[in-house]
């Protein structure tokens, strides 16, 4: 009879331990579920950030191309300005020559 009581207490103790283990496992299960949801959320955030980075990269590429185009246009304008400058210089020399010719003619006329 005493052995039966001892066995009974052991079984009760084991039963309580099993219940405790079961509760721990349940708690761990809930934690794992929560962590899983967090990981899913973080994954979606990373995906969103990746798309934003891709979009920004495309914008930067577009801006770069625009800047390159502007640079080429500026270079072309610079060359045109240089050409105009040379033309103006040439015209100035021609005007100077014409002026000297006119002065010379004027002097000849005066001399006569």
C-alpha atoms as a PDB file:
ATOM      1  CA  UNK A   1       0.000   0.000   0.000  1.00  0.00           C
ATOM      2  CA  UNK A   2       2.818   2.341   0.805  1.00  0.00           C
ATOM      3  CA  UNK A   3       4.462   1.522  -2.497  1.00  0.00           C
ATOM      4  CA  UNK A   4       1.243   2.323  -4.296  1.00  0.00           C
ATOM      5  CA  UNK A   5       1.127   5.709  -2.554  1.00  0.00           C
ATOM      6  CA  UNK A   6       4.752   6.390  -3.498  1.00  0.00           C
ATOM      7  CA  UNK A   7       4.055   5.389  -7.093  1.00  0.00           C
ATOM      8  CA  UNK A   8       0.970   7.539  -7.094  1.00  0.00           C
ATOM      9  CA  UNK A   9       2.971  10.566  -5.905  1.00  0.00           C
ATOM     10  CA  UNK A  10       5.635   9.903  -8.516  1.00  0.00           C
ATOM     11  CA  UNK A  11       3.010   9.732 -11.222  1.00  0.00           C
ATOM     12  CA  UNK A  12       1.453  12.951  -9.937  1.00  0.00           C
ATOM     13  CA  UNK A  13       4.858  14.632  -9.917  1.00  0.00           C
ATOM     14  CA  UNK A  14       5.593  13.393 -13.442  1.00  0.00           C
ATOM     15  CA  UNK A  15       2.189  14.573 -14.521  1.00  0.00           C
ATOM     16  CA  UNK A  16       2.901  18.053 -13.186  1.00  0.00           C
ATOM     17  CA  UNK A  17       6.295  18.054 -14.911  1.00  0.00           C
ATOM     18  CA  UNK A  18       4.647  17.031 -18.180  1.00  0.00           C
ATOM     19  CA  UNK A  19       2.097  19.805 -17.765  1.00  0.00           C
ATOM     20  CA  UNK A  20       4.869  22.304 -17.085  1.00  0.00           C
ATOM     21  CA  UNK A  21       6.834  21.077 -20.145  1.00  0.00           C
ATOM     22  CA  UNK A  22       3.690  21.290 -22.237  1.00  0.00           C
ATOM     23  CA  UNK A  23       3.137  24.901 -21.159  1.00  0.00           C
ATOM     24  CA  UNK A  24       6.779  25.735 -21.930  1.00  0.00           C
ATOM     25  CA  UNK A  25       6.454  24.173 -25.373  1.00  0.00           C
ATOM     26  CA  UNK A  26       3.235  26.110 -25.980  1.00  0.00           C
ATOM     27  CA  UNK A  27       4.954  29.343 -24.926  1.00  0.00           C
ATOM     28  CA  UNK A  28       7.924  28.596 -27.189  1.00  0.00           C
ATOM     29  CA  UNK A  29       5.533  27.850 -30.038  1.00  0.00           C
ATOM     30  CA  UNK A  30       3.878  31.242 -29.613  1.00  0.00           C
ATOM     31  CA  UNK A  31       7.292  32.935 -29.520  1.00  0.00           C
ATOM     32  CA  UNK A  32       8.295  31.142 -32.710  1.00  0.00           C
ATOM     33  CA  UNK A  33       5.073  32.248 -34.392  1.00  0.00           C
ATOM     34  CA  UNK A  34       5.687  35.833 -33.310  1.00  0.00           C
ATOM     35  CA  UNK A  35       9.266  35.712 -34.582  1.00  0.00           C
ATOM     36  CA  UNK A  36       8.064  34.253 -37.856  1.00  0.00           C
ATOM     37  CA  UNK A  37       5.648  37.144 -38.313  1.00  0.00           C
ATOM     38  CA  UNK A  38       8.427  39.626 -37.495  1.00  0.00           C
ATOM     39  CA  UNK A  39      10.696  37.974 -40.055  1.00  0.00           C
ATOM     40  CA  UNK A  40       7.938  38.147 -42.664  1.00  0.00           C
ATOM     41  CA  UNK A  41       7.415  41.840 -41.908  1.00  0.00           C
ATOM     42  CA  UNK A  42      11.154  42.528 -42.142  1.00  0.00           C
ATOM     43  CA  UNK A  43      11.298  40.629 -45.425  1.00  0.00           C
ATOM     44  CA  UNK A  44       8.563  42.827 -46.859  1.00  0.00           C
ATOM     45  CA  UNK A  45      10.400  45.941 -45.628  1.00  0.00           C
ATOM     46  CA  UNK A  46      13.612  44.752 -47.279  1.00  0.00           C
ATOM     47  CA  UNK A  47      11.723  44.124 -50.520  1.00  0.00           C
ATOM     48  CA  UNK A  48      10.208  47.602 -50.371  1.00  0.00           C
ATOM     49  CA  UNK A  49      13.615  49.169 -49.682  1.00  0.00           C
ATOM     50  CA  UNK A  50      15.102  47.214 -52.570  1.00  0.00           C
ATOM     51  CA  UNK A  51      12.458  48.570 -54.917  1.00  0.00           C
ATOM     52  CA  UNK A  52      13.089  52.115 -53.636  1.00  0.00           C
ATOM     53  CA  UNK A  53      16.827  51.693 -54.203  1.00  0.00           C
ATOM     54  CA  UNK A  54      16.188  50.413 -57.717  1.00  0.00           C
ATOM     55  CA  UNK A  55      13.948  53.394 -58.440  1.00  0.00           C
ATOM     56  CA  UNK A  56      16.564  55.810 -57.072  1.00  0.00           C
ATOM     57  CA  UNK A  57      19.238  54.110 -59.143  1.00  0.00           C
ATOM     58  CA  UNK A  58      17.185  54.580 -62.287  1.00  0.00           C
ATOM     59  CA  UNK A  59      16.635  58.254 -61.409  1.00  0.00           C
ATOM     60  CA  UNK A  60      20.348  58.738 -60.838  1.00  0.00           C
ATOM     61  CA  UNK A  61      21.112  57.077 -64.165  1.00  0.00           C
ATOM     62  CA  UNK A  62      18.618  59.344 -65.915  1.00  0.00           C
ATOM     63  CA  UNK A  63      20.108  62.420 -64.205  1.00  0.00           C
ATOM     64  CA  UNK A  64      23.578  61.321 -65.235  1.00  0.00           C
ATOM     65  CA  UNK A  65      22.507  61.003 -68.843  1.00  0.00           C
ATOM     66  CA  UNK A  66      20.880  64.446 -68.699  1.00  0.00           C
ATOM     67  CA  UNK A  67      24.070  65.932 -67.234  1.00  0.00           C
ATOM     68  CA  UNK A  68      26.137  64.272 -69.947  1.00  0.00           C
ATOM     69  CA  UNK A  69      23.827  65.670 -72.619  1.00  0.00           C
ATOM     70  CA  UNK A  70      24.024  69.155 -71.075  1.00  0.00           C
ATOM     71  CA  UNK A  71      27.795  68.891 -70.979  1.00  0.00           C
ATOM     72  CA  UNK A  72      27.910  68.046 -74.661  1.00  0.00           C
ATOM     73  CA  UNK A  73      25.586  70.952 -75.444  1.00  0.00           C
ATOM     74  CA  UNK A  74      27.795  73.308 -73.428  1.00  0.00           C
ATOM     75  CA  UNK A  75      30.870  72.055 -75.272  1.00  0.00           C
ATOM     76  CA  UNK A  76      29.163  72.658 -78.629  1.00  0.00           C
ATOM     77  CA  UNK A  77      28.090  76.150 -77.527  1.00  0.00           C
ATOM     78  CA  UNK A  78      31.656  76.865 -76.448  1.00  0.00           C
ATOM     79  CA  UNK A  79      32.994  75.891 -79.827  1.00  0.00           C
ATOM     80  CA  UNK A  80      30.356  78.056 -81.539  1.00  0.00           C
ATOM     81  CA  UNK A  81      31.319  80.999 -79.341  1.00  0.00           C
ATOM     82  CA  UNK A  82      34.983  80.484 -80.190  1.00  0.00           C
ATOM     83  CA  UNK A  83      34.163  80.430 -83.899  1.00  0.00           C
ATOM     84  CA  UNK A  84      32.054  83.604 -83.542  1.00  0.00           C
ATOM     85  CA  UNK A  85      34.910  85.256 -81.686  1.00  0.00           C
ATOM     86  CA  UNK A  86      37.314  84.454 -84.486  1.00  0.00           C
ATOM     87  CA  UNK A  87      34.825  85.784 -87.047  1.00  0.00           C
ATOM     88  CA  UNK A  88      34.446  88.997 -85.066  1.00  0.00           C
ATOM     89  CA  UNK A  89      38.221  89.341 -84.836  1.00  0.00           C
ATOM     90  CA  UNK A  90      38.530  88.829 -88.583  1.00  0.00           C
ATOM     91  CA  UNK A  91      35.799  91.386 -89.267  1.00  0.00           C
ATOM     92  CA  UNK A  92      37.526  93.822 -86.931  1.00  0.00           C
ATOM     93  CA  UNK A  93      40.773  93.457 -88.882  1.00  0.00           C
ATOM     94  CA  UNK A  94      38.886  93.968 -92.141  1.00  0.00           C
ATOM     95  CA  UNK A  95      37.254  97.090 -90.759  1.00  0.00           C
ATOM     96  CA  UNK A  96      40.654  98.383 -89.664  1.00  0.00           C
ATOM     97  CA  UNK A  97      42.060  97.743 -93.147  1.00  0.00           C
ATOM     98  CA  UNK A  98      39.064  99.475 -94.764  1.00  0.00           C
ATOM     99  CA  UNK A  99      39.491 102.418 -92.431  1.00  0.00           C
ATOM    100  CA  UNK A 100      43.155 102.755 -93.375  1.00  0.00           C
ATOM    101  CA  UNK A 101      42.255 102.582 -97.074  1.00  0.00           C
ATOM    102  CA  UNK A 102      39.651 105.277 -96.613  1.00  0.00           C
ATOM    103  CA  UNK A 103      42.173 107.452 -94.736  1.00  0.00           C
ATOM    104  CA  UNK A 104      44.708 106.937 -97.465  1.00  0.00           C
ATOM    105  CA  UNK A 105      42.190 107.899-100.181  1.00  0.00           C
ATOM    106  CA  UNK A 106      41.169 110.893 -98.142  1.00  0.00           C
ATOM    107  CA  UNK A 107      44.757 112.065 -97.906  1.00  0.00           C
ATOM    108  CA  UNK A 108      45.257 111.618-101.659  1.00  0.00           C
ATOM    109  CA  UNK A 109      42.138 113.649-102.370  1.00  0.00           C
ATOM    110  CA  UNK A 110      43.335 116.369 -99.979  1.00  0.00           C
ATOM    111  CA  UNK A 111      46.721 116.386-101.629  1.00  0.00           C
ATOM    112  CA  UNK A 112      45.260 116.972-105.093  1.00  0.00           C
END
